[in-house]
Every structure is written in structure tokens, then in C-alpha cells.
Amino acid sequence: MDVKTFLAELLSVMTTLDFVEDTDLKTESIVLSGRVYLKKNNFLALYLS
């Protein structure tokens, strides 16, 4: 499994949690960044290179 697929699946699974509102995945050259938007205006940022 490549890194992009791993991060996409991780974010997808996280949306099943009750405290997660949304997720976002961006590819920027060699860095993948993901953001998990949580309730109460919080977020979790993930970066993989």
C-alpha cells in the first residue's frame, strides 16, 4: 500500500467516529497533508512525506 492510499483510508475510517465532522486530503509535491475536522472547531493535521 502506498502512502497516499494509506492516508486516504485512514481519513475515511476516521469519519466514522462520532466526534469527527469532516476530513480533507491534499497532495503538495512530495508531501501529503490531511486534516480531520473535529467538533467544537478543533482539527487534527496529518503530514506524510
PDB file of N, CA and C in Angstrom:
ATOM      1  N   MET A   1       0.854  -1.174   0.000  1.00  0.00           N
ATOM      2  CA  MET A   1       0.000   0.000   0.000  1.00  0.00           C
ATOM      3  C   MET A   1       0.900   1.237   0.000  1.00  0.00           C
ATOM      4  N   ASP A   2       0.604   2.158  -0.882  1.00  0.00           N
ATOM      5  CA  ASP A   2       1.401   3.383  -0.910  1.00  0.00           C
ATOM      6  C   ASP A   2       0.901   4.373   0.136  1.00  0.00           C
ATOM      7  N   VAL A   3       1.679   5.406   0.345  1.00  0.00           N
ATOM      8  CA  VAL A   3       1.399   6.372   1.414  1.00  0.00           C
ATOM      9  C   VAL A   3       0.095   7.123   1.166  1.00  0.00           C
ATOM     10  N   LYS A   4      -0.151   7.511  -0.082  1.00  0.00           N
ATOM     11  CA  LYS A   4      -1.369   8.269  -0.381  1.00  0.00           C
ATOM     12  C   LYS A   4      -2.615   7.423  -0.097  1.00  0.00           C
ATOM     13  N   THR A   5      -2.582   6.161  -0.484  1.00  0.00           N
ATOM     14  CA  THR A   5      -3.716   5.272  -0.215  1.00  0.00           C
ATOM     15  C   THR A   5      -3.909   5.078   1.279  1.00  0.00           C
ATOM     16  N   PHE A   6      -2.795   4.910   2.003  1.00  0.00           N
ATOM     17  CA  PHE A   6      -2.869   4.745   3.450  1.00  0.00           C
ATOM     18  C   PHE A   6      -3.536   5.944   4.114  1.00  0.00           C
ATOM     19  N   LEU A   7      -3.089   7.143   3.771  1.00  0.00           N
ATOM     20  CA  LEU A   7      -3.649   8.343   4.392  1.00  0.00           C
ATOM     21  C   LEU A   7      -5.116   8.524   4.010  1.00  0.00           C
ATOM     22  N   ALA A   8      -5.460   8.235   2.768  1.00  0.00           N
ATOM     23  CA  ALA A   8      -6.857   8.353   2.332  1.00  0.00           C
ATOM     24  C   ALA A   8      -7.750   7.380   3.103  1.00  0.00           C
ATOM     25  N   GLU A   9      -7.282   6.151   3.288  1.00  0.00           N
ATOM     26  CA  GLU A   9      -8.065   5.175   4.037  1.00  0.00           C
ATOM     27  C   GLU A   9      -8.154   5.543   5.517  1.00  0.00           C
ATOM     28  N   LEU A  10      -7.062   6.055   6.076  1.00  0.00           N
ATOM     29  CA  LEU A  10      -7.066   6.489   7.471  1.00  0.00           C
ATOM     30  C   LEU A  10      -8.100   7.587   7.690  1.00  0.00           C
ATOM     31  N   LEU A  11      -8.100   8.579   6.829  1.00  0.00           N
ATOM     32  CA  LEU A  11      -9.068   9.677   6.959  1.00  0.00           C
ATOM     33  C   LEU A  11     -10.494   9.178   6.753  1.00  0.00           C
ATOM     34  N   SER A  12     -10.681   8.246   5.843  1.00  0.00           N
ATOM     35  CA  SER A  12     -12.001   7.688   5.601  1.00  0.00           C
ATOM     36  C   SER A  12     -12.533   6.962   6.831  1.00  0.00           C
ATOM     37  N   VAL A  13     -11.698   6.174   7.464  1.00  0.00           N
ATOM     38  CA  VAL A  13     -12.108   5.447   8.665  1.00  0.00           C
ATOM     39  C   VAL A  13     -12.395   6.418   9.809  1.00  0.00           C
ATOM     40  N   MET A  14     -11.636   7.491   9.896  1.00  0.00           N
ATOM     41  CA  MET A  14     -11.834   8.446  10.985  1.00  0.00           C
ATOM     42  C   MET A  14     -13.187   9.140  10.892  1.00  0.00           C
ATOM     43  N   THR A  15     -13.770   9.234   9.696  1.00  0.00           N
ATOM     44  CA  THR A  15     -15.076   9.887   9.565  1.00  0.00           C
ATOM     45  C   THR A  15     -16.185   9.078  10.235  1.00  0.00           C
ATOM     46  N   THR A  16     -15.913   7.823  10.560  1.00  0.00           N
ATOM     47  CA  THR A  16     -16.918   7.007  11.238  1.00  0.00           C
ATOM     48  C   THR A  16     -16.987   7.303  12.733  1.00  0.00           C
ATOM     49  N   LEU A  17     -16.027   8.038  13.254  1.00  0.00           N
ATOM     50  CA  LEU A  17     -16.028   8.389  14.673  1.00  0.00           C
ATOM     51  C   LEU A  17     -17.044   9.499  14.926  1.00  0.00           C
ATOM     52  N   ASP A  18     -17.722   9.443  16.063  1.00  0.00           N
ATOM     53  CA  ASP A  18     -18.803  10.398  16.329  1.00  0.00           C
ATOM     54  C   ASP A  18     -18.328  11.826  16.564  1.00  0.00           C
ATOM     55  N   PHE A  19     -17.063  12.027  16.914  1.00  0.00           N
ATOM     56  CA  PHE A  19     -16.572  13.381  17.169  1.00  0.00           C
ATOM     57  C   PHE A  19     -15.887  14.008  15.948  1.00  0.00           C
ATOM     58  N   VAL A  20     -15.888  13.319  14.814  1.00  0.00           N
ATOM     59  CA  VAL A  20     -15.294  13.829  13.578  1.00  0.00           C
ATOM     60  C   VAL A  20     -16.406  14.343  12.671  1.00  0.00           C
ATOM     61  N   GLU A  21     -16.242  15.575  12.189  1.00  0.00           N
ATOM     62  CA  GLU A  21     -17.238  16.170  11.309  1.00  0.00           C
ATOM     63  C   GLU A  21     -16.891  15.986   9.832  1.00  0.00           C
ATOM     64  N   ASP A  22     -15.595  16.098   9.463  1.00  0.00           N
ATOM     65  CA  ASP A  22     -15.195  16.041   8.055  1.00  0.00           C
ATOM     66  C   ASP A  22     -13.700  15.771   7.965  1.00  0.00           C
ATOM     67  N   THR A  23     -13.230  15.399   6.775  1.00  0.00           N
ATOM     68  CA  THR A  23     -11.797  15.216   6.534  1.00  0.00           C
ATOM     69  C   THR A  23     -11.429  15.861   5.213  1.00  0.00           C
ATOM     70  N   ASP A  24     -10.148  16.130   5.031  1.00  0.00           N
ATOM     71  CA  ASP A  24      -9.648  16.762   3.816  1.00  0.00           C
ATOM     72  C   ASP A  24      -8.272  16.186   3.523  1.00  0.00           C
ATOM     73  N   LEU A  25      -7.976  15.909   2.258  1.00  0.00           N
ATOM     74  CA  LEU A  25      -6.691  15.362   1.843  1.00  0.00           C
ATOM     75  C   LEU A  25      -6.133  16.208   0.714  1.00  0.00           C
ATOM     76  N   LYS A  26      -4.865  16.631   0.834  1.00  0.00           N
ATOM     77  CA  LYS A  26      -4.211  17.432  -0.203  1.00  0.00           C
ATOM     78  C   LYS A  26      -2.858  16.820  -0.540  1.00  0.00           C
ATOM     79  N   THR A  27      -2.492  16.875  -1.811  1.00  0.00           N
ATOM     80  CA  THR A  27      -1.178  16.431  -2.266  1.00  0.00           C
ATOM     81  C   THR A  27      -0.398  17.655  -2.712  1.00  0.00           C
ATOM     82  N   GLU A  28       0.759  17.878  -2.106  1.00  0.00           N
ATOM     83  CA  GLU A  28       1.610  19.023  -2.436  1.00  0.00           C
ATOM     84  C   GLU A  28       3.012  18.501  -2.718  1.00  0.00           C
ATOM     85  N   SER A  29       3.355  18.315  -3.975  1.00  0.00           N
ATOM     86  CA  SER A  29       4.612  17.736  -4.458  1.00  0.00           C
ATOM     87  C   SER A  29       4.893  16.419  -3.736  1.00  0.00           C
ATOM     88  N   ILE A  30       5.825  16.369  -2.801  1.00  0.00           N
ATOM     89  CA  ILE A  30       6.156  15.106  -2.134  1.00  0.00           C
ATOM     90  C   ILE A  30       5.524  14.984  -0.756  1.00  0.00           C
ATOM     91  N   VAL A  31       4.722  15.947  -0.363  1.00  0.00           N
ATOM     92  CA  VAL A  31       4.100  15.932   0.968  1.00  0.00           C
ATOM     93  C   VAL A  31       2.595  15.737   0.821  1.00  0.00           C
ATOM     94  N   LEU A  32       2.072  14.798   1.584  1.00  0.00           N
ATOM     95  CA  LEU A  32       0.632  14.606   1.681  1.00  0.00           C
ATOM     96  C   LEU A  32       0.174  15.220   2.989  1.00  0.00           C
ATOM     97  N   SER A  33      -0.867  15.991   2.935  1.00  0.00           N
ATOM     98  CA  SER A  33      -1.386  16.559   4.167  1.00  0.00           C
ATOM     99  C   SER A  33      -2.863  16.227   4.279  1.00  0.00           C
ATOM    100  N   GLY A  34      -3.250  15.887   5.468  1.00  0.00           N
ATOM    101  CA  GLY A  34      -4.647  15.582   5.742  1.00  0.00           C
ATOM    102  C   GLY A  34      -5.092  16.359   6.959  1.00  0.00           C
ATOM    103  N   ARG A  35      -6.344  16.650   6.990  1.00  0.00           N
ATOM    104  CA  ARG A  35      -6.896  17.370   8.137  1.00  0.00           C
ATOM    105  C   ARG A  35      -8.200  16.705   8.528  1.00  0.00           C
ATOM    106  N   VAL A  36      -8.349  16.469   9.819  1.00  0.00           N
ATOM    107  CA  VAL A  36      -9.563  15.889  10.374  1.00  0.00           C
ATOM    108  C   VAL A  36     -10.242  16.985  11.178  1.00  0.00           C
ATOM    109  N   TYR A  37     -11.424  17.382  10.733  1.00  0.00           N
ATOM    110  CA  TYR A  37     -12.164  18.441  11.416  1.00  0.00           C
ATOM    111  C   TYR A  37     -13.013  17.823  12.511  1.00  0.00           C
ATOM    112  N   LEU A  38     -12.768  18.257  13.726  1.00  0.00           N
ATOM    113  CA  LEU A  38     -13.475  17.731  14.885  1.00  0.00           C
ATOM    114  C   LEU A  38     -14.561  18.695  15.314  1.00  0.00           C
ATOM    115  N   LYS A  39     -15.435  18.231  16.159  1.00  0.00           N
ATOM    116  CA  LYS A  39     -16.484  19.103  16.681  1.00  0.00           C
ATOM    117  C   LYS A  39     -15.870  20.184  17.571  1.00  0.00           C
ATOM    118  N   LYS A  40     -16.603  21.227  17.814  1.00  0.00           N
ATOM    119  CA  LYS A  40     -16.180  22.364  18.637  1.00  0.00           C
ATOM    120  C   LYS A  40     -15.000  23.117  18.019  1.00  0.00           C
ATOM    121  N   ASN A  41     -14.959  23.208  16.681  1.00  0.00           N
ATOM    122  CA  ASN A  41     -13.954  23.988  15.946  1.00  0.00           C
ATOM    123  C   ASN A  41     -12.520  23.547  16.194  1.00  0.00           C
ATOM    124  N   ASN A  42     -12.287  22.277  16.383  1.00  0.00           N
ATOM    125  CA  ASN A  42     -10.944  21.719  16.532  1.00  0.00           C
ATOM    126  C   ASN A  42     -10.589  20.922  15.285  1.00  0.00           C
ATOM    127  N   PHE A  43      -9.279  20.698  15.078  1.00  0.00           N
ATOM    128  CA  PHE A  43      -8.863  19.861  13.962  1.00  0.00           C
ATOM    129  C   PHE A  43      -7.561  19.147  14.321  1.00  0.00           C
ATOM    130  N   LEU A  44      -7.297  18.083  13.576  1.00  0.00           N
ATOM    131  CA  LEU A  44      -6.085  17.295  13.707  1.00  0.00           C
ATOM    132  C   LEU A  44      -5.418  17.302  12.343  1.00  0.00           C
ATOM    133  N   ALA A  45      -4.170  17.755  12.260  1.00  0.00           N
ATOM    134  CA  ALA A  45      -3.459  17.806  10.996  1.00  0.00           C
ATOM    135  C   ALA A  45      -2.472  16.636  10.909  1.00  0.00           C
ATOM    136  N   LEU A  46      -2.420  15.999   9.728  1.00  0.00           N
ATOM    137  CA  LEU A  46      -1.530  14.885   9.471  1.00  0.00           C
ATOM    138  C   LEU A  46      -0.648  15.218   8.273  1.00  0.00           C
ATOM    139  N   TYR A  47       0.647  14.981   8.381  1.00  0.00           N
ATOM    140  CA  TYR A  47       1.579  15.245   7.295  1.00  0.00           C
ATOM    141  C   TYR A  47       2.459  14.024   7.083  1.00  0.00           C
ATOM    142  N   LEU A  48       2.556  13.578   5.833  1.00  0.00           N
ATOM    143  CA  LEU A  48       3.419  12.460   5.479  1.00  0.00           C
ATOM    144  C   LEU A  48       4.246  12.851   4.269  1.00  0.00           C
ATOM    145  N   SER A  49       5.511  12.472   4.266  1.00  0.00           N
ATOM    146  CA  SER A  49       6.356  12.746   3.101  1.00  0.00           C
ATOM    147  C   SER A  49       7.132  11.519   2.707  1.00  0.00           C
TER     148      SER A  49
END
